[in-house]
Amino acid sequence: MIIMTKIGIISDTHGYLDENVFKHFEQCDEIWHAGDFGNIALAEQLSSFKLLRGVYGNIDGNDIRSAYPEETLFSVEQVPVFMQHIAGYPGRYAPGVKDKLKSSGAKLFISGHSHILKVMYDDKLQCLHINPGAAGRQGWHKVRTIIRLVIDGTNMRDCEVIELGAR
């Protein structure tokens, strides 16, 4: 029996949820939101659709902050995952993040905040970093993006960047 987990990764919605996200994440088992939801209603829409894991972002109010942590560490299949909204990326981690990645043994690191789509591998930490860019309309990004990824045992594969259209 082949078991694999399909993940939808989204960030920086800032209160705007494109209806196409539901179509693109229809086959996903889980959705991960890397912060700046914008409001609790948006989080509730996603969590009523699929299992939702998330962290709060710098623009999120007490409604989101009381429901989601600043950072989270969890495993999907045999992949330890660390997620934090403002966390940087390989070579430019936010203070303390590199130590958390090392001590946790994370193999997948998800962040948001920059509105810059990044999929990078950190050879030193043996960890894949993903920032899905921004799915909302607020910010300086030109194209709204989300990501799909498959976790299959210890393997992360079939990473797809999906463009939702112009901001």
N, C-alpha and C. Protein backbone atom coordinates (compact mmCIF):
# COMPACT_ATOMS: atom_id res chain seq x y z
N MET A 1 0.84 -1.18 0.00
CA MET A 1 0.00 0.00 0.00
C MET A 1 0.88 1.24 0.00
N ILE A 2 0.65 2.13 -0.95
CA ILE A 2 1.43 3.36 -1.04
C ILE A 2 0.71 4.44 -0.26
N ILE A 3 1.43 5.02 0.68
CA ILE A 3 0.87 6.12 1.46
C ILE A 3 1.73 7.34 1.20
N MET A 4 1.11 8.43 0.88
CA MET A 4 1.80 9.69 0.73
C MET A 4 0.85 10.80 1.13
N THR A 5 1.43 11.89 1.55
CA THR A 5 0.63 13.02 2.01
C THR A 5 0.83 14.19 1.07
N LYS A 6 -0.28 14.70 0.56
CA LYS A 6 -0.25 15.86 -0.35
C LYS A 6 -0.53 17.12 0.46
N ILE A 7 0.37 18.08 0.31
CA ILE A 7 0.33 19.30 1.11
C ILE A 7 0.09 20.51 0.21
N GLY A 8 -0.77 21.41 0.66
CA GLY A 8 -0.93 22.73 0.04
C GLY A 8 -0.30 23.76 0.96
N ILE A 9 0.57 24.60 0.43
CA ILE A 9 1.27 25.60 1.25
C ILE A 9 0.89 26.98 0.76
N ILE A 10 0.51 27.83 1.72
CA ILE A 10 0.01 29.17 1.41
C ILE A 10 0.50 30.14 2.49
N SER A 11 0.61 31.39 2.14
CA SER A 11 1.03 32.40 3.12
C SER A 11 0.56 33.78 2.68
N ASP A 12 0.58 34.69 3.61
CA ASP A 12 0.36 36.10 3.34
C ASP A 12 -0.91 36.37 2.53
N THR A 13 -2.01 35.81 3.03
CA THR A 13 -3.31 36.05 2.40
C THR A 13 -3.85 37.44 2.76
N HIS A 14 -3.48 37.94 3.91
CA HIS A 14 -3.88 39.29 4.34
C HIS A 14 -5.39 39.51 4.20
N GLY A 15 -6.16 38.48 4.56
CA GLY A 15 -7.61 38.60 4.55
C GLY A 15 -8.28 38.31 3.21
N TYR A 16 -7.51 37.99 2.18
CA TYR A 16 -8.07 37.70 0.86
C TYR A 16 -7.78 36.24 0.51
N LEU A 17 -8.84 35.48 0.23
CA LEU A 17 -8.68 34.08 -0.14
C LEU A 17 -9.28 33.86 -1.53
N ASP A 18 -8.41 33.67 -2.50
CA ASP A 18 -8.83 33.41 -3.88
C ASP A 18 -9.60 32.09 -3.91
N GLU A 19 -10.77 32.07 -4.52
CA GLU A 19 -11.58 30.85 -4.57
C GLU A 19 -10.87 29.71 -5.31
N ASN A 20 -9.90 30.04 -6.17
CA ASN A 20 -9.15 29.01 -6.89
C ASN A 20 -8.25 28.18 -5.98
N VAL A 21 -7.95 28.69 -4.79
CA VAL A 21 -7.14 27.93 -3.83
C VAL A 21 -7.83 26.59 -3.54
N PHE A 22 -9.14 26.60 -3.42
CA PHE A 22 -9.89 25.37 -3.11
C PHE A 22 -9.75 24.34 -4.24
N LYS A 23 -9.77 24.80 -5.46
CA LYS A 23 -9.60 23.91 -6.61
C LYS A 23 -8.17 23.34 -6.62
N HIS A 24 -7.18 24.20 -6.41
CA HIS A 24 -5.79 23.75 -6.46
C HIS A 24 -5.42 22.84 -5.29
N PHE A 25 -6.09 23.02 -4.15
CA PHE A 25 -5.81 22.22 -2.96
C PHE A 25 -6.80 21.08 -2.76
N GLU A 26 -7.68 20.85 -3.74
CA GLU A 26 -8.71 19.83 -3.61
C GLU A 26 -8.15 18.44 -3.32
N GLN A 27 -7.05 18.07 -3.96
CA GLN A 27 -6.46 16.75 -3.77
C GLN A 27 -5.48 16.70 -2.59
N CYS A 28 -5.29 17.81 -1.91
CA CYS A 28 -4.35 17.86 -0.78
C CYS A 28 -4.98 17.24 0.46
N ASP A 29 -4.14 16.65 1.29
CA ASP A 29 -4.58 16.10 2.57
C ASP A 29 -4.55 17.15 3.66
N GLU A 30 -3.59 18.09 3.55
CA GLU A 30 -3.40 19.14 4.56
C GLU A 30 -3.10 20.45 3.85
N ILE A 31 -3.42 21.55 4.55
CA ILE A 31 -3.02 22.89 4.12
C ILE A 31 -2.18 23.48 5.24
N TRP A 32 -1.05 24.07 4.86
CA TRP A 32 -0.19 24.76 5.82
C TRP A 32 -0.18 26.24 5.46
N HIS A 33 -0.51 27.08 6.43
CA HIS A 33 -0.52 28.53 6.24
C HIS A 33 0.62 29.13 7.04
N ALA A 34 1.55 29.79 6.35
CA ALA A 34 2.76 30.31 6.99
C ALA A 34 2.61 31.74 7.50
N GLY A 35 1.42 32.11 7.90
CA GLY A 35 1.22 33.38 8.60
C GLY A 35 0.71 34.53 7.76
N ASP A 36 0.24 35.57 8.48
CA ASP A 36 -0.47 36.71 7.91
C ASP A 36 -1.75 36.24 7.23
N PHE A 37 -2.56 35.50 8.01
CA PHE A 37 -3.89 35.10 7.56
C PHE A 37 -4.72 36.34 7.24
N GLY A 38 -4.71 37.29 8.17
CA GLY A 38 -5.51 38.50 8.01
C GLY A 38 -6.73 38.52 8.90
N ASN A 39 -7.41 37.39 9.04
CA ASN A 39 -8.56 37.30 9.94
C ASN A 39 -8.90 35.84 10.21
N ILE A 40 -9.64 35.62 11.27
CA ILE A 40 -9.97 34.26 11.69
C ILE A 40 -10.97 33.60 10.73
N ALA A 41 -11.82 34.41 10.07
CA ALA A 41 -12.78 33.84 9.13
C ALA A 41 -12.06 33.12 7.99
N LEU A 42 -10.96 33.68 7.52
CA LEU A 42 -10.18 33.04 6.45
C LEU A 42 -9.61 31.71 6.94
N ALA A 43 -9.06 31.71 8.15
CA ALA A 43 -8.53 30.47 8.73
C ALA A 43 -9.63 29.43 8.87
N GLU A 44 -10.83 29.85 9.26
CA GLU A 44 -11.95 28.92 9.42
C GLU A 44 -12.39 28.35 8.08
N GLN A 45 -12.35 29.16 7.02
CA GLN A 45 -12.69 28.66 5.68
C GLN A 45 -11.73 27.53 5.28
N LEU A 46 -10.43 27.76 5.50
CA LEU A 46 -9.44 26.75 5.15
C LEU A 46 -9.57 25.51 6.03
N SER A 47 -9.77 25.71 7.33
CA SER A 47 -9.82 24.56 8.25
C SER A 47 -11.10 23.75 8.07
N SER A 48 -12.15 24.35 7.54
CA SER A 48 -13.36 23.57 7.27
C SER A 48 -13.23 22.78 5.96
N PHE A 49 -12.26 23.14 5.14
CA PHE A 49 -12.01 22.48 3.87
C PHE A 49 -11.05 21.30 4.01
N LYS A 50 -9.95 21.49 4.73
CA LYS A 50 -8.91 20.47 4.94
C LYS A 50 -8.28 20.67 6.31
N LEU A 51 -7.52 19.67 6.76
CA LEU A 51 -6.73 19.83 7.98
C LEU A 51 -5.81 21.03 7.77
N LEU A 52 -5.84 21.97 8.69
CA LEU A 52 -5.05 23.19 8.57
C LEU A 52 -4.03 23.28 9.70
N ARG A 53 -2.78 23.49 9.32
CA ARG A 53 -1.71 23.80 10.28
C ARG A 53 -1.27 25.21 9.93
N GLY A 54 -0.95 26.00 10.95
CA GLY A 54 -0.53 27.36 10.65
C GLY A 54 0.21 28.01 11.78
N VAL A 55 0.78 29.16 11.47
CA VAL A 55 1.44 30.02 12.44
C VAL A 55 0.90 31.43 12.22
N TYR A 56 0.95 32.24 13.27
CA TYR A 56 0.50 33.61 13.07
C TYR A 56 1.63 34.45 12.47
N GLY A 57 1.22 35.51 11.81
CA GLY A 57 2.17 36.45 11.22
C GLY A 57 2.11 37.79 11.92
N ASN A 58 2.96 38.70 11.48
CA ASN A 58 3.07 40.00 12.15
C ASN A 58 1.83 40.87 12.02
N ILE A 59 0.99 40.65 11.01
CA ILE A 59 -0.22 41.48 10.88
C ILE A 59 -1.43 40.85 11.56
N ASP A 60 -1.29 39.62 12.01
CA ASP A 60 -2.43 38.91 12.60
C ASP A 60 -2.75 39.42 14.00
N GLY A 61 -4.05 39.53 14.27
CA GLY A 61 -4.52 40.01 15.56
C GLY A 61 -4.66 38.88 16.57
N ASN A 62 -5.26 39.22 17.70
CA ASN A 62 -5.42 38.26 18.80
C ASN A 62 -6.27 37.06 18.42
N ASP A 63 -7.21 37.24 17.47
CA ASP A 63 -8.04 36.11 17.06
C ASP A 63 -7.17 34.99 16.47
N ILE A 64 -6.26 35.34 15.60
CA ILE A 64 -5.35 34.36 15.00
C ILE A 64 -4.30 33.91 16.01
N ARG A 65 -3.75 34.86 16.75
CA ARG A 65 -2.68 34.54 17.71
C ARG A 65 -3.16 33.62 18.83
N SER A 66 -4.45 33.64 19.13
CA SER A 66 -4.96 32.74 20.16
C SER A 66 -5.24 31.34 19.59
N ALA A 67 -5.31 31.24 18.27
CA ALA A 67 -5.60 29.95 17.64
C ALA A 67 -4.35 29.26 17.06
N TYR A 68 -3.33 30.05 16.72
CA TYR A 68 -2.13 29.52 16.07
C TYR A 68 -0.89 30.04 16.77
N PRO A 69 0.17 29.22 16.85
CA PRO A 69 1.41 29.64 17.53
C PRO A 69 2.29 30.51 16.63
N GLU A 70 3.33 31.09 17.21
CA GLU A 70 4.31 31.86 16.43
C GLU A 70 5.17 30.93 15.58
N GLU A 71 5.45 29.76 16.13
CA GLU A 71 6.24 28.75 15.43
C GLU A 71 5.69 27.38 15.77
N THR A 72 5.92 26.44 14.89
CA THR A 72 5.46 25.08 15.16
C THR A 72 6.43 24.07 14.57
N LEU A 73 6.55 22.96 15.28
CA LEU A 73 7.38 21.85 14.84
C LEU A 73 6.49 20.61 14.87
N PHE A 74 6.42 19.91 13.76
CA PHE A 74 5.58 18.72 13.66
C PHE A 74 6.20 17.80 12.61
N SER A 75 5.72 16.59 12.54
CA SER A 75 6.19 15.65 11.53
C SER A 75 5.04 15.18 10.67
N VAL A 76 5.31 15.04 9.39
CA VAL A 76 4.37 14.43 8.46
C VAL A 76 5.12 13.26 7.83
N GLU A 77 4.53 12.08 8.01
CA GLU A 77 5.21 10.84 7.67
C GLU A 77 6.55 10.84 8.42
N GLN A 78 7.69 10.72 7.73
CA GLN A 78 8.96 10.73 8.44
C GLN A 78 9.73 12.03 8.23
N VAL A 79 9.03 13.13 7.92
CA VAL A 79 9.68 14.41 7.68
C VAL A 79 9.36 15.39 8.81
N PRO A 80 10.38 15.77 9.61
CA PRO A 80 10.18 16.81 10.61
C PRO A 80 10.09 18.18 9.93
N VAL A 81 9.06 18.95 10.30
CA VAL A 81 8.77 20.24 9.66
C VAL A 81 8.82 21.35 10.71
N PHE A 82 9.50 22.44 10.39
CA PHE A 82 9.50 23.64 11.24
C PHE A 82 8.88 24.77 10.43
N MET A 83 7.93 25.50 11.05
CA MET A 83 7.27 26.61 10.37
C MET A 83 7.24 27.83 11.28
N GLN A 84 7.61 28.99 10.71
CA GLN A 84 7.57 30.28 11.40
C GLN A 84 7.41 31.35 10.33
N HIS A 85 6.59 32.37 10.62
CA HIS A 85 6.29 33.39 9.60
C HIS A 85 7.53 34.20 9.22
N ILE A 86 8.10 34.90 10.18
CA ILE A 86 9.30 35.70 9.92
C ILE A 86 10.50 34.87 10.33
N ALA A 87 11.18 34.27 9.36
CA ALA A 87 12.24 33.32 9.71
C ALA A 87 13.42 33.37 8.75
N GLY A 88 13.32 34.10 7.66
CA GLY A 88 14.42 34.18 6.72
C GLY A 88 14.49 32.97 5.82
N TYR A 89 15.69 32.72 5.32
CA TYR A 89 15.91 31.62 4.38
C TYR A 89 17.39 31.23 4.44
N PRO A 90 17.77 30.12 3.82
CA PRO A 90 19.17 29.67 3.90
C PRO A 90 20.15 30.79 3.53
N GLY A 91 21.12 30.97 4.42
CA GLY A 91 22.10 32.04 4.25
C GLY A 91 21.70 33.34 4.90
N ARG A 92 20.42 33.50 5.20
CA ARG A 92 19.91 34.73 5.83
C ARG A 92 18.76 34.41 6.80
N TYR A 93 19.03 33.49 7.70
CA TYR A 93 18.00 33.13 8.69
C TYR A 93 17.79 34.27 9.69
N ALA A 94 16.57 34.39 10.17
CA ALA A 94 16.27 35.33 11.26
C ALA A 94 16.97 34.82 12.52
N PRO A 95 17.24 35.72 13.48
CA PRO A 95 17.94 35.31 14.71
C PRO A 95 17.27 34.11 15.38
N GLY A 96 18.07 33.11 15.69
CA GLY A 96 17.60 31.93 16.41
C GLY A 96 17.04 30.82 15.55
N VAL A 97 16.68 31.12 14.30
CA VAL A 97 16.03 30.12 13.46
C VAL A 97 16.99 28.98 13.09
N LYS A 98 18.21 29.32 12.74
CA LYS A 98 19.18 28.28 12.35
C LYS A 98 19.39 27.30 13.51
N ASP A 99 19.48 27.83 14.74
CA ASP A 99 19.64 26.96 15.91
C ASP A 99 18.42 26.06 16.10
N LYS A 100 17.23 26.59 15.88
CA LYS A 100 16.01 25.79 16.01
C LYS A 100 15.97 24.69 14.95
N LEU A 101 16.39 25.02 13.74
CA LEU A 101 16.42 24.01 12.68
C LEU A 101 17.41 22.91 13.02
N LYS A 102 18.57 23.29 13.53
CA LYS A 102 19.59 22.30 13.92
C LYS A 102 19.09 21.42 15.06
N SER A 103 18.60 22.04 16.11
CA SER A 103 18.21 21.27 17.30
C SER A 103 16.98 20.40 17.05
N SER A 104 16.09 20.83 16.16
CA SER A 104 14.87 20.08 15.88
C SER A 104 15.10 18.95 14.88
N GLY A 105 16.16 19.07 14.09
CA GLY A 105 16.39 18.08 13.04
C GLY A 105 15.43 18.24 11.87
N ALA A 106 14.82 19.42 11.76
CA ALA A 106 13.85 19.66 10.67
C ALA A 106 14.48 19.39 9.32
N LYS A 107 13.72 18.76 8.45
CA LYS A 107 14.14 18.50 7.08
C LYS A 107 13.35 19.37 6.09
N LEU A 108 12.31 20.03 6.60
CA LEU A 108 11.50 20.94 5.80
C LEU A 108 11.21 22.17 6.64
N PHE A 109 11.51 23.33 6.11
CA PHE A 109 11.37 24.61 6.81
C PHE A 109 10.47 25.52 5.97
N ILE A 110 9.34 25.94 6.55
CA ILE A 110 8.35 26.75 5.85
C ILE A 110 8.32 28.13 6.51
N SER A 111 8.38 29.18 5.68
CA SER A 111 8.24 30.54 6.20
C SER A 111 7.42 31.37 5.22
N GLY A 112 7.10 32.57 5.62
CA GLY A 112 6.35 33.51 4.80
C GLY A 112 6.99 34.88 4.92
N HIS A 113 6.16 35.91 5.04
CA HIS A 113 6.51 37.28 5.35
C HIS A 113 7.07 38.10 4.19
N SER A 114 8.03 37.60 3.46
CA SER A 114 8.72 38.41 2.46
C SER A 114 7.89 38.64 1.19
N HIS A 115 6.87 37.81 0.98
CA HIS A 115 6.08 37.80 -0.25
C HIS A 115 6.94 37.37 -1.45
N ILE A 116 8.11 36.80 -1.17
CA ILE A 116 9.02 36.34 -2.23
C ILE A 116 9.00 34.81 -2.26
N LEU A 117 8.55 34.28 -3.38
CA LEU A 117 8.52 32.83 -3.57
C LEU A 117 9.95 32.29 -3.57
N LYS A 118 10.21 31.29 -2.71
CA LYS A 118 11.54 30.66 -2.66
C LYS A 118 11.39 29.17 -2.38
N VAL A 119 12.13 28.38 -3.12
CA VAL A 119 12.28 26.95 -2.84
C VAL A 119 13.79 26.72 -2.93
N MET A 120 14.42 26.52 -1.77
CA MET A 120 15.88 26.41 -1.70
C MET A 120 16.27 25.27 -0.78
N TYR A 121 17.37 24.63 -1.10
CA TYR A 121 17.88 23.57 -0.23
C TYR A 121 19.10 24.08 0.50
N ASP A 122 19.13 23.89 1.83
CA ASP A 122 20.28 24.25 2.65
C ASP A 122 21.14 23.00 2.81
N ASP A 123 22.24 22.95 2.06
CA ASP A 123 23.14 21.80 2.12
C ASP A 123 23.74 21.59 3.50
N LYS A 124 24.04 22.69 4.19
CA LYS A 124 24.67 22.58 5.51
C LYS A 124 23.74 21.94 6.53
N LEU A 125 22.47 22.31 6.48
CA LEU A 125 21.50 21.77 7.44
C LEU A 125 20.72 20.58 6.88
N GLN A 126 20.93 20.25 5.61
CA GLN A 126 20.19 19.16 4.97
C GLN A 126 18.68 19.38 5.13
N CYS A 127 18.25 20.59 4.75
CA CYS A 127 16.87 21.02 4.99
C CYS A 127 16.35 21.79 3.78
N LEU A 128 15.15 21.43 3.33
CA LEU A 128 14.50 22.14 2.24
C LEU A 128 13.72 23.32 2.80
N HIS A 129 13.93 24.50 2.22
CA HIS A 129 13.20 25.70 2.64
C HIS A 129 12.18 26.06 1.56
N ILE A 130 10.95 26.34 2.02
CA ILE A 130 9.90 26.80 1.10
C ILE A 130 9.23 28.04 1.68
N ASN A 131 9.18 29.09 0.86
CA ASN A 131 8.33 30.26 1.12
C ASN A 131 7.39 30.31 -0.07
N PRO A 132 6.09 30.12 0.14
CA PRO A 132 5.16 30.04 -0.99
C PRO A 132 4.86 31.38 -1.65
N GLY A 133 5.53 32.45 -1.22
CA GLY A 133 5.20 33.77 -1.74
C GLY A 133 3.94 34.27 -1.06
N ALA A 134 3.19 35.12 -1.72
CA ALA A 134 1.99 35.68 -1.13
C ALA A 134 0.77 35.33 -1.97
N ALA A 135 -0.30 34.89 -1.31
CA ALA A 135 -1.53 34.54 -2.01
C ALA A 135 -2.56 35.67 -1.96
N GLY A 136 -2.27 36.68 -1.15
CA GLY A 136 -3.20 37.80 -1.01
C GLY A 136 -2.91 38.93 -1.99
N ARG A 137 -3.69 39.98 -1.86
CA ARG A 137 -3.56 41.13 -2.77
C ARG A 137 -2.77 42.27 -2.18
N GLN A 138 -2.45 42.19 -0.89
CA GLN A 138 -1.73 43.26 -0.23
C GLN A 138 -0.23 42.99 -0.30
N GLY A 139 0.54 44.02 -0.63
CA GLY A 139 1.99 43.88 -0.69
C GLY A 139 2.53 44.30 -2.04
N TRP A 140 3.80 44.12 -2.21
CA TRP A 140 4.46 44.59 -3.43
C TRP A 140 4.65 43.51 -4.49
N HIS A 141 4.35 42.25 -4.16
CA HIS A 141 4.50 41.17 -5.14
C HIS A 141 3.60 41.43 -6.35
N LYS A 142 3.99 40.92 -7.50
CA LYS A 142 3.23 41.12 -8.74
C LYS A 142 2.26 39.98 -9.02
N VAL A 143 2.66 38.74 -8.65
CA VAL A 143 1.85 37.55 -8.92
C VAL A 143 1.60 36.81 -7.61
N ARG A 144 0.34 36.43 -7.39
CA ARG A 144 -0.03 35.66 -6.19
C ARG A 144 0.29 34.19 -6.42
N THR A 145 0.96 33.56 -5.42
CA THR A 145 1.41 32.18 -5.59
C THR A 145 1.10 31.31 -4.38
N ILE A 146 0.96 30.02 -4.64
CA ILE A 146 0.85 28.97 -3.62
C ILE A 146 1.69 27.80 -4.10
N ILE A 147 1.88 26.81 -3.24
CA ILE A 147 2.70 25.65 -3.59
C ILE A 147 1.98 24.36 -3.18
N ARG A 148 2.17 23.33 -4.00
CA ARG A 148 1.76 21.97 -3.63
C ARG A 148 3.02 21.12 -3.54
N LEU A 149 3.00 20.16 -2.61
CA LEU A 149 4.15 19.30 -2.36
C LEU A 149 3.65 17.94 -1.90
N VAL A 150 4.36 16.89 -2.26
CA VAL A 150 4.04 15.54 -1.80
C VAL A 150 5.13 15.09 -0.84
N ILE A 151 4.72 14.56 0.30
CA ILE A 151 5.64 13.93 1.24
C ILE A 151 5.34 12.44 1.20
N ASP A 152 6.36 11.68 0.89
CA ASP A 152 6.24 10.24 0.71
C ASP A 152 7.33 9.58 1.54
N GLY A 153 6.98 9.18 2.77
CA GLY A 153 7.98 8.63 3.69
C GLY A 153 8.94 9.72 4.12
N THR A 154 10.21 9.59 3.69
CA THR A 154 11.20 10.62 3.99
C THR A 154 11.43 11.53 2.78
N ASN A 155 10.76 11.24 1.68
CA ASN A 155 10.98 12.00 0.44
C ASN A 155 9.97 13.13 0.29
N MET A 156 10.49 14.26 -0.15
CA MET A 156 9.65 15.40 -0.52
C MET A 156 9.78 15.53 -2.03
N ARG A 157 8.63 15.50 -2.73
CA ARG A 157 8.69 15.49 -4.19
C ARG A 157 7.48 16.19 -4.81
N ASP A 158 7.54 16.30 -6.11
CA ASP A 158 6.45 16.89 -6.89
C ASP A 158 6.07 18.28 -6.40
N CYS A 159 7.07 19.09 -6.11
CA CYS A 159 6.84 20.48 -5.69
C CYS A 159 6.35 21.28 -6.89
N GLU A 160 5.18 21.88 -6.75
CA GLU A 160 4.58 22.66 -7.83
C GLU A 160 4.28 24.06 -7.37
N VAL A 161 4.74 25.04 -8.12
CA VAL A 161 4.37 26.44 -7.87
C VAL A 161 3.14 26.72 -8.71
N ILE A 162 2.13 27.29 -8.08
CA ILE A 162 0.88 27.63 -8.77
C ILE A 162 0.69 29.13 -8.72
N GLU A 163 0.53 29.72 -9.88
CA GLU A 163 0.27 31.16 -9.96
C GLU A 163 -1.24 31.37 -9.95
N LEU A 164 -1.69 32.24 -9.06
CA LEU A 164 -3.11 32.54 -8.93
C LEU A 164 -3.53 33.76 -9.76
N GLY A 165 -2.56 34.45 -10.32
CA GLY A 165 -2.86 35.63 -11.11
C GLY A 165 -2.21 36.88 -10.52
N ALA A 166 -2.44 37.99 -11.18
CA ALA A 166 -1.86 39.26 -10.75
C ALA A 166 -2.44 39.70 -9.42
N ARG A 167 -1.61 40.42 -8.68
CA ARG A 167 -2.04 40.94 -7.39
C ARG A 167 -3.22 41.87 -7.61
